[in-house]
Amino acid sequence: MTDPGTLVWDAIRGGARLAAIRTMVELECAEHLRDGPLAVAELAERCGAHAPSLARVLRTLASMGLLESAGADRYALTPEGATLDREAPLSMRSAVTVTTDECMMYALSSLTETVRTGRSAFVERYGVLYEHLSRNPEFGQEFNDYMTNRAVPMARGVAERYDFTGVETLVDVGGGRGHILAAALRANPHLRGVLYDLAHVVPDAREAFTSWGLADRCEFVAGDFFASAPRGADAYLLGSVIHNWDDTDALRILTNVRAAMREDGRVLLVEIVLPDDDSPHFGKDLDLRMLGIFGQGRERSRGEYAVLLEKAGLGIRQVVGLPFNASLIEATAV
């Protein structure tokens, strides 16, 4: 008979496994094992760690599949463990350091208080996330690396899986450095872009597009999507924008985009789309992080996006699956 407590025990065990991964990252075990297996004593010396304590962490990491035994008291990296090397393509290192940072863990440990009051306990202690990042530049850089490593596969997915036929001008609303827009431009030589974001963001975006050799195909426009959007484009891209806001603010953004777009235009939302039923989904876990960190931000199901878009005068035409459990929602005027 299945123990009804199994689900809870698995969740409890998850905390210890995550702590082991954080330790592996902070001690740079993946980097030290990059060139081949090492004995525990040798690895401990290189990491500056207490060998008997490290051995216990390594044993757990091996049980998770991040390391594997290579003889008595000797360990080697697996392909999964190698993703934690800072030099690995799309390294997972920043994902670990950011999500296990003290402030992020506080957002989860104080979730009960957030739910009781409806106000983010994280914001009460640390302030708005992006202000906290600006005050802590080292953590801010880790966060930017984390966002980039998530954005690149999603951007590639948009470029490869969405048909931009009929789109000549694509406006990236709140595009940041414009990873998704850049991928779309590379894959569609006929396309021209407009990157639209706050004034302090635009110079960094322009520098990035220049380094990518795409600056001559993109216009950079400073503005506030709560006030307006560039008018008359064929399509408007909002990549991981709407999930940062509650329904009231999200509707303001979408209404401004709807007012700016042509009647035959398209709105492309790149977001995590939750299932409308009780099935497990990565986005449901992420939604609790959003609740704890922002209070107002949220992940939404397809049904919830349909309602939100309808209020803005838009309707879902199709949903295209993307990497990292994300989706592209194509909406048109109704």
C-alpha atoms as a PDB file:
ATOM      1  CA  MET A   1       0.000   0.000   0.000  1.00  0.00           C
ATOM      2  CA  THR A   2       1.315   3.445  -0.889  1.00  0.00           C
ATOM      3  CA  ASP A   3       2.179   5.588   2.135  1.00  0.00           C
ATOM      4  CA  PRO A   4      -0.056   8.701   1.939  1.00  0.00           C
ATOM      5  CA  GLY A   5       2.807  10.687   3.451  1.00  0.00           C
ATOM      6  CA  THR A   6       5.144   9.986   0.512  1.00  0.00           C
ATOM      7  CA  LEU A   7       4.394  13.249  -1.294  1.00  0.00           C
ATOM      8  CA  VAL A   8       5.190  15.302   1.796  1.00  0.00           C
ATOM      9  CA  TRP A   9       8.364  13.344   2.541  1.00  0.00           C
ATOM     10  CA  ASP A  10       9.551  13.863  -1.044  1.00  0.00           C
ATOM     11  CA  ALA A  11       9.033  17.621  -0.687  1.00  0.00           C
ATOM     12  CA  ILE A  12      10.942  17.655   2.613  1.00  0.00           C
ATOM     13  CA  ARG A  13      13.811  15.698   1.047  1.00  0.00           C
ATOM     14  CA  GLY A  14      13.915  18.245  -1.755  1.00  0.00           C
ATOM     15  CA  GLY A  15      15.229  20.884   0.640  1.00  0.00           C
ATOM     16  CA  ALA A  16      18.266  18.784   1.556  1.00  0.00           C
ATOM     17  CA  ARG A  17      18.997  17.950  -2.087  1.00  0.00           C
ATOM     18  CA  LEU A  18      18.838  21.631  -3.041  1.00  0.00           C
ATOM     19  CA  ALA A  19      21.251  22.459  -0.203  1.00  0.00           C
ATOM     20  CA  ALA A  20      23.663  19.850  -1.562  1.00  0.00           C
ATOM     21  CA  ILE A  21      23.492  21.416  -5.034  1.00  0.00           C
ATOM     22  CA  ARG A  22      24.090  24.880  -3.594  1.00  0.00           C
ATOM     23  CA  THR A  23      27.160  23.521  -1.750  1.00  0.00           C
ATOM     24  CA  MET A  24      28.447  21.935  -4.952  1.00  0.00           C
ATOM     25  CA  VAL A  25      28.126  25.277  -6.737  1.00  0.00           C
ATOM     26  CA  GLU A  26      29.662  27.414  -3.970  1.00  0.00           C
ATOM     27  CA  LEU A  27      32.643  25.067  -3.610  1.00  0.00           C
ATOM     28  CA  GLU A  28      33.019  24.959  -7.419  1.00  0.00           C
ATOM     29  CA  CYS A  29      33.113  21.168  -7.439  1.00  0.00           C
ATOM     30  CA  ALA A  30      32.087  21.009 -11.101  1.00  0.00           C
ATOM     31  CA  GLU A  31      34.968  23.257 -12.110  1.00  0.00           C
ATOM     32  CA  HIS A  32      37.469  21.209 -10.088  1.00  0.00           C
ATOM     33  CA  LEU A  33      36.160  17.946 -11.590  1.00  0.00           C
ATOM     34  CA  ARG A  34      36.084  19.346 -15.126  1.00  0.00           C
ATOM     35  CA  ASP A  35      39.294  17.561 -16.168  1.00  0.00           C
ATOM     36  CA  GLY A  36      38.500  14.193 -14.608  1.00  0.00           C
ATOM     37  CA  PRO A  37      37.711  12.270 -11.399  1.00  0.00           C
ATOM     38  CA  LEU A  38      39.292  13.210  -8.069  1.00  0.00           C
ATOM     39  CA  ALA A  39      39.592  11.555  -4.699  1.00  0.00           C
ATOM     40  CA  VAL A  40      37.536  13.169  -1.968  1.00  0.00           C
ATOM     41  CA  ALA A  41      40.659  14.347  -0.114  1.00  0.00           C
ATOM     42  CA  GLU A  42      42.088  15.978  -3.254  1.00  0.00           C
ATOM     43  CA  LEU A  43      38.779  17.628  -4.128  1.00  0.00           C
ATOM     44  CA  ALA A  44      38.401  18.893  -0.563  1.00  0.00           C
ATOM     45  CA  GLU A  45      41.875  20.420  -0.682  1.00  0.00           C
ATOM     46  CA  ARG A  46      41.082  22.194  -3.952  1.00  0.00           C
ATOM     47  CA  CYS A  47      37.720  23.409  -2.653  1.00  0.00           C
ATOM     48  CA  GLY A  48      39.033  24.492   0.730  1.00  0.00           C
ATOM     49  CA  ALA A  49      36.587  22.116   2.450  1.00  0.00           C
ATOM     50  CA  HIS A  50      36.535  19.631   5.335  1.00  0.00           C
ATOM     51  CA  ALA A  51      37.004  16.271   3.612  1.00  0.00           C
ATOM     52  CA  PRO A  52      34.724  14.080   5.831  1.00  0.00           C
ATOM     53  CA  SER A  53      31.898  16.628   5.539  1.00  0.00           C
ATOM     54  CA  LEU A  54      32.384  17.018   1.805  1.00  0.00           C
ATOM     55  CA  ALA A  55      32.262  13.231   1.384  1.00  0.00           C
ATOM     56  CA  ARG A  56      28.729  13.180   2.777  1.00  0.00           C
ATOM     57  CA  VAL A  57      27.588  15.882   0.347  1.00  0.00           C
ATOM     58  CA  LEU A  58      29.240  14.110  -2.581  1.00  0.00           C
ATOM     59  CA  ARG A  59      27.476  10.869  -1.655  1.00  0.00           C
ATOM     60  CA  THR A  60      24.125  12.633  -1.852  1.00  0.00           C
ATOM     61  CA  LEU A  61      25.025  14.358  -5.137  1.00  0.00           C
ATOM     62  CA  ALA A  62      25.965  10.973  -6.594  1.00  0.00           C
ATOM     63  CA  SER A  63      22.613   9.539  -5.526  1.00  0.00           C
ATOM     64  CA  MET A  64      20.981  12.409  -7.448  1.00  0.00           C
ATOM     65  CA  GLY A  65      22.963  11.680 -10.607  1.00  0.00           C
ATOM     66  CA  LEU A  66      25.092  14.846 -10.586  1.00  0.00           C
ATOM     67  CA  LEU A  67      28.244  12.845  -9.754  1.00  0.00           C
ATOM     68  CA  GLU A  68      29.185   9.194 -10.042  1.00  0.00           C
ATOM     69  CA  SER A  69      31.593   6.982  -8.141  1.00  0.00           C
ATOM     70  CA  ALA A  70      34.904   6.403  -9.903  1.00  0.00           C
ATOM     71  CA  GLY A  71      36.488   4.079  -7.358  1.00  0.00           C
ATOM     72  CA  ALA A  72      36.753   4.120  -3.581  1.00  0.00           C
ATOM     73  CA  ASP A  73      36.241   7.658  -2.234  1.00  0.00           C
ATOM     74  CA  ARG A  74      36.587   9.031  -5.749  1.00  0.00           C
ATOM     75  CA  TYR A  75      34.015  10.910  -7.840  1.00  0.00           C
ATOM     76  CA  ALA A  76      33.523  12.084 -11.419  1.00  0.00           C
ATOM     77  CA  LEU A  77      31.120  14.548 -13.008  1.00  0.00           C
ATOM     78  CA  THR A  78      28.116  13.294 -14.935  1.00  0.00           C
ATOM     79  CA  PRO A  79      26.732  15.287 -17.906  1.00  0.00           C
ATOM     80  CA  GLU A  80      24.017  16.549 -15.559  1.00  0.00           C
ATOM     81  CA  GLY A  81      26.565  17.690 -12.994  1.00  0.00           C
ATOM     82  CA  ALA A  82      28.620  19.396 -15.694  1.00  0.00           C
ATOM     83  CA  THR A  83      25.748  21.857 -16.228  1.00  0.00           C
ATOM     84  CA  LEU A  84      26.806  23.449 -12.917  1.00  0.00           C
ATOM     85  CA  ASP A  85      30.233  24.387 -14.304  1.00  0.00           C
ATOM     86  CA  ARG A  86      30.354  28.154 -14.817  1.00  0.00           C
ATOM     87  CA  GLU A  87      31.920  27.579 -18.260  1.00  0.00           C
ATOM     88  CA  ALA A  88      29.198  25.208 -19.457  1.00  0.00           C
ATOM     89  CA  PRO A  89      26.986  26.444 -22.300  1.00  0.00           C
ATOM     90  CA  LEU A  90      23.842  27.853 -20.676  1.00  0.00           C
ATOM     91  CA  SER A  91      25.288  26.944 -17.264  1.00  0.00           C
ATOM     92  CA  MET A  92      22.785  26.198 -14.501  1.00  0.00           C
ATOM     93  CA  ARG A  93      25.090  27.769 -11.918  1.00  0.00           C
ATOM     94  CA  SER A  94      23.326  31.141 -11.797  1.00  0.00           C
ATOM     95  CA  ALA A  95      19.931  29.428 -11.550  1.00  0.00           C
ATOM     96  CA  VAL A  96      21.130  27.740  -8.357  1.00  0.00           C
ATOM     97  CA  THR A  97      22.828  30.766  -6.812  1.00  0.00           C
ATOM     98  CA  VAL A  98      19.846  33.034  -7.502  1.00  0.00           C
ATOM     99  CA  THR A  99      17.029  30.735  -6.426  1.00  0.00           C
ATOM    100  CA  THR A 100      18.857  29.667  -3.255  1.00  0.00           C
ATOM    101  CA  ASP A 101      20.013  33.154  -2.282  1.00  0.00           C
ATOM    102  CA  GLU A 102      18.993  34.229   1.212  1.00  0.00           C
ATOM    103  CA  CYS A 103      16.500  36.800  -0.077  1.00  0.00           C
ATOM    104  CA  MET A 104      14.819  34.337  -2.460  1.00  0.00           C
ATOM    105  CA  MET A 105      14.587  31.669   0.210  1.00  0.00           C
ATOM    106  CA  TYR A 106      13.057  34.254   2.525  1.00  0.00           C
ATOM    107  CA  ALA A 107      10.323  34.863  -0.057  1.00  0.00           C
ATOM    108  CA  LEU A 108       9.338  31.193   0.283  1.00  0.00           C
ATOM    109  CA  SER A 109       9.877  30.780   4.019  1.00  0.00           C
ATOM    110  CA  SER A 110       7.639  33.822   4.629  1.00  0.00           C
ATOM    111  CA  LEU A 111       4.969  32.766   2.132  1.00  0.00           C
ATOM    112  CA  THR A 112       2.446  32.177   4.904  1.00  0.00           C
ATOM    113  CA  GLU A 113       2.713  35.826   5.938  1.00  0.00           C
ATOM    114  CA  THR A 114       2.325  36.960   2.337  1.00  0.00           C
ATOM    115  CA  VAL A 115      -0.806  34.827   1.967  1.00  0.00           C
ATOM    116  CA  ARG A 116      -2.245  36.108   5.255  1.00  0.00           C
ATOM    117  CA  THR A 117      -1.793  39.767   4.406  1.00  0.00           C
ATOM    118  CA  GLY A 118      -1.830  39.845   0.605  1.00  0.00           C
ATOM    119  CA  ARG A 119       1.413  41.855   0.750  1.00  0.00           C
ATOM    120  CA  SER A 120       4.786  40.401  -0.204  1.00  0.00           C
ATOM    121  CA  ALA A 121       6.916  39.813   2.882  1.00  0.00           C
ATOM    122  CA  PHE A 122       9.928  39.916   0.536  1.00  0.00           C
ATOM    123  CA  VAL A 123       9.066  43.473  -0.532  1.00  0.00           C
ATOM    124  CA  GLU A 124       8.549  44.514   3.077  1.00  0.00           C
ATOM    125  CA  ARG A 125      12.054  43.326   4.005  1.00  0.00           C
ATOM    126  CA  TYR A 126      14.117  43.806   0.815  1.00  0.00           C
ATOM    127  CA  GLY A 127      12.070  46.252  -1.245  1.00  0.00           C
ATOM    128  CA  VAL A 128      11.068  45.716  -4.867  1.00  0.00           C
ATOM    129  CA  LEU A 129      13.239  43.003  -6.438  1.00  0.00           C
ATOM    130  CA  TYR A 130      14.777  45.211  -9.142  1.00  0.00           C
ATOM    131  CA  GLU A 131      15.694  47.870  -6.581  1.00  0.00           C
ATOM    132  CA  HIS A 132      17.311  45.159  -4.452  1.00  0.00           C
ATOM    133  CA  LEU A 133      19.293  43.995  -7.483  1.00  0.00           C
ATOM    134  CA  SER A 134      20.552  47.522  -8.173  1.00  0.00           C
ATOM    135  CA  ARG A 135      21.737  47.841  -4.554  1.00  0.00           C
ATOM    136  CA  ASN A 136      23.535  44.489  -4.747  1.00  0.00           C
ATOM    137  CA  PRO A 137      25.376  44.474  -8.079  1.00  0.00           C
ATOM    138  CA  GLU A 138      27.085  41.109  -7.621  1.00  0.00           C
ATOM    139  CA  PHE A 139      23.748  39.406  -7.012  1.00  0.00           C
ATOM    140  CA  GLY A 140      22.287  41.535  -9.790  1.00  0.00           C
ATOM    141  CA  GLN A 141      24.837  40.136 -12.242  1.00  0.00           C
ATOM    142  CA  GLU A 142      24.006  36.583 -11.174  1.00  0.00           C
ATOM    143  CA  PHE A 143      20.320  37.370 -11.703  1.00  0.00           C
ATOM    144  CA  ASN A 144      21.015  38.780 -15.184  1.00  0.00           C
ATOM    145  CA  ASP A 145      22.998  35.650 -16.084  1.00  0.00           C
ATOM    146  CA  TYR A 146      20.114  33.498 -14.856  1.00  0.00           C
ATOM    147  CA  MET A 147      17.593  35.447 -16.950  1.00  0.00           C
ATOM    148  CA  THR A 148      19.842  35.280 -20.017  1.00  0.00           C
ATOM    149  CA  ASN A 149      20.340  31.529 -19.709  1.00  0.00           C
ATOM    150  CA  ARG A 150      16.560  31.106 -19.568  1.00  0.00           C
ATOM    151  CA  ALA A 151      15.893  33.591 -22.350  1.00  0.00           C
ATOM    152  CA  VAL A 152      18.285  32.180 -24.964  1.00  0.00           C
ATOM    153  CA  PRO A 153      16.564  28.768 -25.447  1.00  0.00           C
ATOM    154  CA  MET A 154      13.120  30.406 -25.367  1.00  0.00           C
ATOM    155  CA  ALA A 155      14.256  32.994 -27.905  1.00  0.00           C
ATOM    156  CA  ARG A 156      15.577  30.243 -30.169  1.00  0.00           C
ATOM    157  CA  GLY A 157      12.269  28.417 -29.769  1.00  0.00           C
ATOM    158  CA  VAL A 158      10.274  31.482 -30.853  1.00  0.00           C
ATOM    159  CA  ALA A 159      12.487  31.960 -33.915  1.00  0.00           C
ATOM    160  CA  GLU A 160      12.298  28.288 -34.924  1.00  0.00           C
ATOM    161  CA  ARG A 161       8.684  27.443 -34.097  1.00  0.00           C
ATOM    162  CA  TYR A 162       6.667  30.573 -34.923  1.00  0.00           C
ATOM    163  CA  ASP A 163       5.876  31.547 -38.508  1.00  0.00           C
ATOM    164  CA  PHE A 164       6.652  35.249 -39.022  1.00  0.00           C
ATOM    165  CA  THR A 165       5.326  35.235 -42.588  1.00  0.00           C
ATOM    166  CA  GLY A 166       3.389  38.463 -43.145  1.00  0.00           C
ATOM    167  CA  VAL A 167       5.199  40.297 -40.331  1.00  0.00           C
ATOM    168  CA  GLU A 168       7.498  43.066 -41.533  1.00  0.00           C
ATOM    169  CA  THR A 169       7.836  45.096 -38.319  1.00  0.00           C
ATOM    170  CA  LEU A 170       7.989  43.479 -34.888  1.00  0.00           C
ATOM    171  CA  VAL A 171       7.843  45.660 -31.750  1.00  0.00           C
ATOM    172  CA  ASP A 172       9.413  44.112 -28.641  1.00  0.00           C
ATOM    173  CA  VAL A 173       7.458  45.730 -25.804  1.00  0.00           C
ATOM    174  CA  GLY A 174       9.470  45.864 -22.577  1.00  0.00           C
ATOM    175  CA  GLY A 175      12.135  43.876 -24.395  1.00  0.00           C
ATOM    176  CA  GLY A 176      15.140  44.506 -22.140  1.00  0.00           C
ATOM    177  CA  ARG A 177      18.258  43.549 -24.111  1.00  0.00           C
ATOM    178  CA  GLY A 178      16.021  42.009 -26.774  1.00  0.00           C
ATOM    179  CA  HIS A 179      17.153  38.354 -26.890  1.00  0.00           C
ATOM    180  CA  ILE A 180      13.884  37.146 -28.414  1.00  0.00           C
ATOM    181  CA  LEU A 181      13.709  39.991 -30.924  1.00  0.00           C
ATOM    182  CA  ALA A 182      17.321  39.357 -31.978  1.00  0.00           C
ATOM    183  CA  ALA A 183      16.640  35.648 -32.527  1.00  0.00           C
ATOM    184  CA  ALA A 184      13.587  36.493 -34.637  1.00  0.00           C
ATOM    185  CA  LEU A 185      15.616  38.943 -36.754  1.00  0.00           C
ATOM    186  CA  ARG A 186      18.385  36.398 -37.345  1.00  0.00           C
ATOM    187  CA  ALA A 187      15.911  33.749 -38.473  1.00  0.00           C
ATOM    188  CA  ASN A 188      13.834  36.127 -40.645  1.00  0.00           C
ATOM    189  CA  PRO A 189      15.975  38.372 -42.873  1.00  0.00           C
ATOM    190  CA  HIS A 190      12.883  40.277 -44.067  1.00  0.00           C
ATOM    191  CA  LEU A 191      11.992  41.382 -40.532  1.00  0.00           C
ATOM    192  CA  ARG A 192      12.686  44.744 -38.937  1.00  0.00           C
ATOM    193  CA  GLY A 193      12.519  45.307 -35.193  1.00  0.00           C
ATOM    194  CA  VAL A 194      11.606  48.014 -32.732  1.00  0.00           C
ATOM    195  CA  LEU A 195      12.831  47.589 -29.166  1.00  0.00           C
ATOM    196  CA  TYR A 196      10.608  49.554 -26.787  1.00  0.00           C
ATOM    197  CA  ASP A 197      11.587  49.943 -23.140  1.00  0.00           C
ATOM    198  CA  LEU A 198      12.360  52.493 -20.445  1.00  0.00           C
ATOM    199  CA  ALA A 199      14.981  55.124 -21.238  1.00  0.00           C
ATOM    200  CA  HIS A 200      17.661  53.670 -18.953  1.00  0.00           C
ATOM    201  CA  VAL A 201      17.324  50.235 -20.623  1.00  0.00           C
ATOM    202  CA  VAL A 202      17.667  51.380 -24.241  1.00  0.00           C
ATOM    203  CA  PRO A 203      21.445  52.114 -24.291  1.00  0.00           C
ATOM    204  CA  ASP A 204      22.297  48.600 -23.107  1.00  0.00           C
ATOM    205  CA  ALA A 205      19.947  47.125 -25.723  1.00  0.00           C
ATOM    206  CA  ARG A 206      21.482  49.228 -28.486  1.00  0.00           C
ATOM    207  CA  GLU A 207      24.969  48.114 -27.413  1.00  0.00           C
ATOM    208  CA  ALA A 208      23.876  44.464 -27.442  1.00  0.00           C
ATOM    209  CA  PHE A 209      22.333  44.706 -30.924  1.00  0.00           C
ATOM    210  CA  THR A 210      25.468  46.433 -32.178  1.00  0.00           C
ATOM    211  CA  SER A 211      27.619  43.592 -30.865  1.00  0.00           C
ATOM    212  CA  TRP A 212      25.275  41.087 -32.546  1.00  0.00           C
ATOM    213  CA  GLY A 213      25.461  42.934 -35.877  1.00  0.00           C
ATOM    214  CA  LEU A 214      21.732  43.680 -35.845  1.00  0.00           C
ATOM    215  CA  ALA A 215      21.604  47.378 -34.915  1.00  0.00           C
ATOM    216  CA  ASP A 216      20.894  48.447 -38.519  1.00  0.00           C
ATOM    217  CA  ARG A 217      17.689  46.359 -38.511  1.00  0.00           C
ATOM    218  CA  CYS A 218      16.320  47.640 -35.231  1.00  0.00           C
ATOM    219  CA  GLU A 219      14.972  50.963 -33.978  1.00  0.00           C
ATOM    220  CA  PHE A 220      15.316  51.754 -30.270  1.00  0.00           C
ATOM    221  CA  VAL A 221      12.445  53.684 -28.705  1.00  0.00           C
ATOM    222  CA  ALA A 222      12.248  54.845 -25.092  1.00  0.00           C
ATOM    223  CA  GLY A 223       8.857  54.803 -23.444  1.00  0.00           C
ATOM    224  CA  ASP A 224       6.552  53.371 -20.783  1.00  0.00           C
ATOM    225  CA  PHE A 225       4.195  50.545 -21.734  1.00  0.00           C
ATOM    226  CA  PHE A 226       1.774  51.743 -19.052  1.00  0.00           C
ATOM    227  CA  ALA A 227       1.337  54.906 -21.106  1.00  0.00           C
ATOM    228  CA  SER A 228       1.554  53.819 -24.762  1.00  0.00           C
ATOM    229  CA  ALA A 229       3.204  51.624 -27.394  1.00  0.00           C
ATOM    230  CA  PRO A 230       4.684  52.419 -30.834  1.00  0.00           C
ATOM    231  CA  ARG A 231       1.871  52.534 -33.364  1.00  0.00           C
ATOM    232  CA  GLY A 232       1.148  50.705 -36.591  1.00  0.00           C
ATOM    233  CA  ALA A 233       3.409  47.623 -36.428  1.00  0.00           C
ATOM    234  CA  ASP A 234       2.478  44.201 -37.780  1.00  0.00           C
ATOM    235  CA  ALA A 235       3.146  42.387 -34.509  1.00  0.00           C
ATOM    236  CA  TYR A 236       3.877  43.173 -30.862  1.00  0.00           C
ATOM    237  CA  LEU A 237       6.009  40.854 -28.772  1.00  0.00           C
ATOM    238  CA  LEU A 238       5.732  40.798 -24.970  1.00  0.00           C
ATOM    239  CA  GLY A 239       8.277  38.326 -23.624  1.00  0.00           C
ATOM    240  CA  SER A 240       7.811  37.465 -19.921  1.00  0.00           C
ATOM    241  CA  VAL A 241       6.175  40.855 -19.354  1.00  0.00           C
ATOM    242  CA  ILE A 242       2.545  40.173 -18.468  1.00  0.00           C
ATOM    243  CA  HIS A 243       3.352  37.653 -15.721  1.00  0.00           C
ATOM    244  CA  ASN A 244       5.085  40.408 -13.726  1.00  0.00           C
ATOM    245  CA  TRP A 245       1.792  42.238 -13.121  1.00  0.00           C
ATOM    246  CA  ASP A 246      -1.623  41.730 -11.567  1.00  0.00           C
ATOM    247  CA  ASP A 247      -4.692  41.676 -13.798  1.00  0.00           C
ATOM    248  CA  THR A 248      -5.316  45.418 -13.518  1.00  0.00           C
ATOM    249  CA  ASP A 249      -1.824  46.426 -14.624  1.00  0.00           C
ATOM    250  CA  ALA A 250      -1.585  43.616 -17.183  1.00  0.00           C
ATOM    251  CA  LEU A 251      -4.807  44.845 -18.762  1.00  0.00           C
ATOM    252  CA  ARG A 252      -3.410  48.389 -18.957  1.00  0.00           C
ATOM    253  CA  ILE A 253      -0.401  47.112 -20.903  1.00  0.00           C
ATOM    254  CA  LEU A 254      -2.476  44.976 -23.260  1.00  0.00           C
ATOM    255  CA  THR A 255      -5.010  47.753 -23.835  1.00  0.00           C
ATOM    256  CA  ASN A 256      -2.208  50.131 -24.852  1.00  0.00           C
ATOM    257  CA  VAL A 257      -0.828  47.534 -27.253  1.00  0.00           C
ATOM    258  CA  ARG A 258      -4.295  46.895 -28.703  1.00  0.00           C
ATOM    259  CA  ALA A 259      -4.746  50.638 -29.276  1.00  0.00           C
ATOM    260  CA  ALA A 260      -1.388  50.857 -31.079  1.00  0.00           C
ATOM    261  CA  MET A 261      -1.668  47.785 -33.307  1.00  0.00           C
ATOM    262  CA  ARG A 262      -3.167  47.572 -36.768  1.00  0.00           C
ATOM    263  CA  GLU A 263      -6.547  45.858 -37.091  1.00  0.00           C
ATOM    264  CA  ASP A 264      -4.858  42.921 -38.803  1.00  0.00           C
ATOM    265  CA  GLY A 265      -1.943  42.948 -36.359  1.00  0.00           C
ATOM    266  CA  ARG A 266      -0.844  40.286 -33.899  1.00  0.00           C
ATOM    267  CA  VAL A 267       0.139  40.217 -30.239  1.00  0.00           C
ATOM    268  CA  LEU A 268       2.687  37.556 -29.248  1.00  0.00           C
ATOM    269  CA  LEU A 269       2.926  36.734 -25.551  1.00  0.00           C
ATOM    270  CA  VAL A 270       5.852  34.551 -24.467  1.00  0.00           C
ATOM    271  CA  GLU A 271       4.858  33.210 -21.076  1.00  0.00           C
ATOM    272  CA  ILE A 272       4.480  30.041 -19.057  1.00  0.00           C
ATOM    273  CA  VAL A 273       0.915  28.859 -19.601  1.00  0.00           C
ATOM    274  CA  LEU A 274      -0.457  26.749 -16.765  1.00  0.00           C
ATOM    275  CA  PRO A 275      -2.841  23.845 -17.359  1.00  0.00           C
ATOM    276  CA  ASP A 276      -6.432  24.598 -16.433  1.00  0.00           C
ATOM    277  CA  ASP A 277      -6.662  21.385 -14.380  1.00  0.00           C
ATOM    278  CA  ASP A 278      -4.809  19.991 -11.339  1.00  0.00           C
ATOM    279  CA  SER A 279      -1.955  18.379 -13.286  1.00  0.00           C
ATOM    280  CA  PRO A 280       1.560  19.210 -12.034  1.00  0.00           C
ATOM    281  CA  HIS A 281       3.463  21.874 -13.926  1.00  0.00           C
ATOM    282  CA  PHE A 282       6.742  23.754 -13.442  1.00  0.00           C
ATOM    283  CA  GLY A 283       4.841  27.026 -13.752  1.00  0.00           C
ATOM    284  CA  LYS A 284       2.761  26.315 -10.650  1.00  0.00           C
ATOM    285  CA  ASP A 285       5.948  26.123  -8.588  1.00  0.00           C
ATOM    286  CA  LEU A 286       7.257  29.290 -10.229  1.00  0.00           C
ATOM    287  CA  ASP A 287       3.938  31.004  -9.505  1.00  0.00           C
ATOM    288  CA  LEU A 288       4.520  30.586  -5.762  1.00  0.00           C
ATOM    289  CA  ARG A 289       7.932  32.231  -6.147  1.00  0.00           C
ATOM    290  CA  MET A 290       6.232  35.068  -8.018  1.00  0.00           C
ATOM    291  CA  LEU A 291       3.707  35.400  -5.203  1.00  0.00           C
ATOM    292  CA  GLY A 292       6.412  35.491  -2.551  1.00  0.00           C
ATOM    293  CA  ILE A 293       8.764  37.873  -4.389  1.00  0.00           C
ATOM    294  CA  PHE A 294       6.376  40.284  -6.063  1.00  0.00           C
ATOM    295  CA  GLY A 295       2.997  39.768  -4.442  1.00  0.00           C
ATOM    296  CA  GLN A 296       1.283  41.062  -7.563  1.00  0.00           C
ATOM    297  CA  GLY A 297       2.982  39.017 -10.309  1.00  0.00           C
ATOM    298  CA  ARG A 298       1.475  35.682 -11.332  1.00  0.00           C
ATOM    299  CA  GLU A 299       1.547  32.852 -13.831  1.00  0.00           C
ATOM    300  CA  ARG A 300      -1.763  32.219 -15.602  1.00  0.00           C
ATOM    301  CA  SER A 301      -3.572  29.360 -17.298  1.00  0.00           C
ATOM    302  CA  ARG A 302      -4.750  29.442 -20.891  1.00  0.00           C
ATOM    303  CA  GLY A 303      -8.261  30.156 -19.653  1.00  0.00           C
ATOM    304  CA  GLU A 304      -7.046  33.082 -17.527  1.00  0.00           C
ATOM    305  CA  TYR A 305      -5.095  34.523 -20.466  1.00  0.00           C
ATOM    306  CA  ALA A 306      -8.170  34.178 -22.662  1.00  0.00           C
ATOM    307  CA  VAL A 307     -10.252  36.226 -20.228  1.00  0.00           C
ATOM    308  CA  LEU A 308      -7.535  38.881 -19.833  1.00  0.00           C
ATOM    309  CA  LEU A 309      -6.993  39.204 -23.580  1.00  0.00           C
ATOM    310  CA  GLU A 310     -10.723  39.405 -24.264  1.00  0.00           C
ATOM    311  CA  LYS A 311     -11.018  42.394 -21.933  1.00  0.00           C
ATOM    312  CA  ALA A 312      -8.325  44.103 -24.041  1.00  0.00           C
ATOM    313  CA  GLY A 313     -10.189  43.382 -27.271  1.00  0.00           C
ATOM    314  CA  LEU A 314      -8.025  40.414 -28.262  1.00  0.00           C
ATOM    315  CA  GLY A 315      -8.610  36.707 -28.792  1.00  0.00           C
ATOM    316  CA  ILE A 316      -6.285  33.698 -28.734  1.00  0.00           C
ATOM    317  CA  ARG A 317      -5.558  32.370 -32.223  1.00  0.00           C
ATOM    318  CA  GLN A 318      -3.021  29.681 -31.330  1.00  0.00           C
ATOM    319  CA  VAL A 319      -0.606  28.554 -28.579  1.00  0.00           C
ATOM    320  CA  VAL A 320       2.854  27.305 -29.604  1.00  0.00           C
ATOM    321  CA  GLY A 321       4.969  25.271 -27.191  1.00  0.00           C
ATOM    322  CA  LEU A 322       8.499  26.523 -26.396  1.00  0.00           C
ATOM    323  CA  PRO A 323      11.496  25.285 -24.343  1.00  0.00           C
ATOM    324  CA  PHE A 324      11.576  25.761 -20.555  1.00  0.00           C
ATOM    325  CA  ASN A 325       7.863  24.949 -20.209  1.00  0.00           C
ATOM    326  CA  ALA A 326       7.025  28.241 -21.927  1.00  0.00           C
ATOM    327  CA  SER A 327       4.535  28.982 -24.694  1.00  0.00           C
ATOM    328  CA  LEU A 328       3.895  31.617 -27.327  1.00  0.00           C
ATOM    329  CA  ILE A 329       0.300  32.867 -27.320  1.00  0.00           C
ATOM    330  CA  GLU A 330      -0.691  34.492 -30.597  1.00  0.00           C
ATOM    331  CA  ALA A 331      -3.663  36.852 -30.188  1.00  0.00           C
ATOM    332  CA  THR A 332      -5.482  38.968 -32.748  1.00  0.00           C
ATOM    333  CA  ALA A 333      -8.141  41.671 -32.627  1.00  0.00           C
ATOM    334  CA  VAL A 334     -11.744  40.590 -32.032  1.00  0.00           C
END
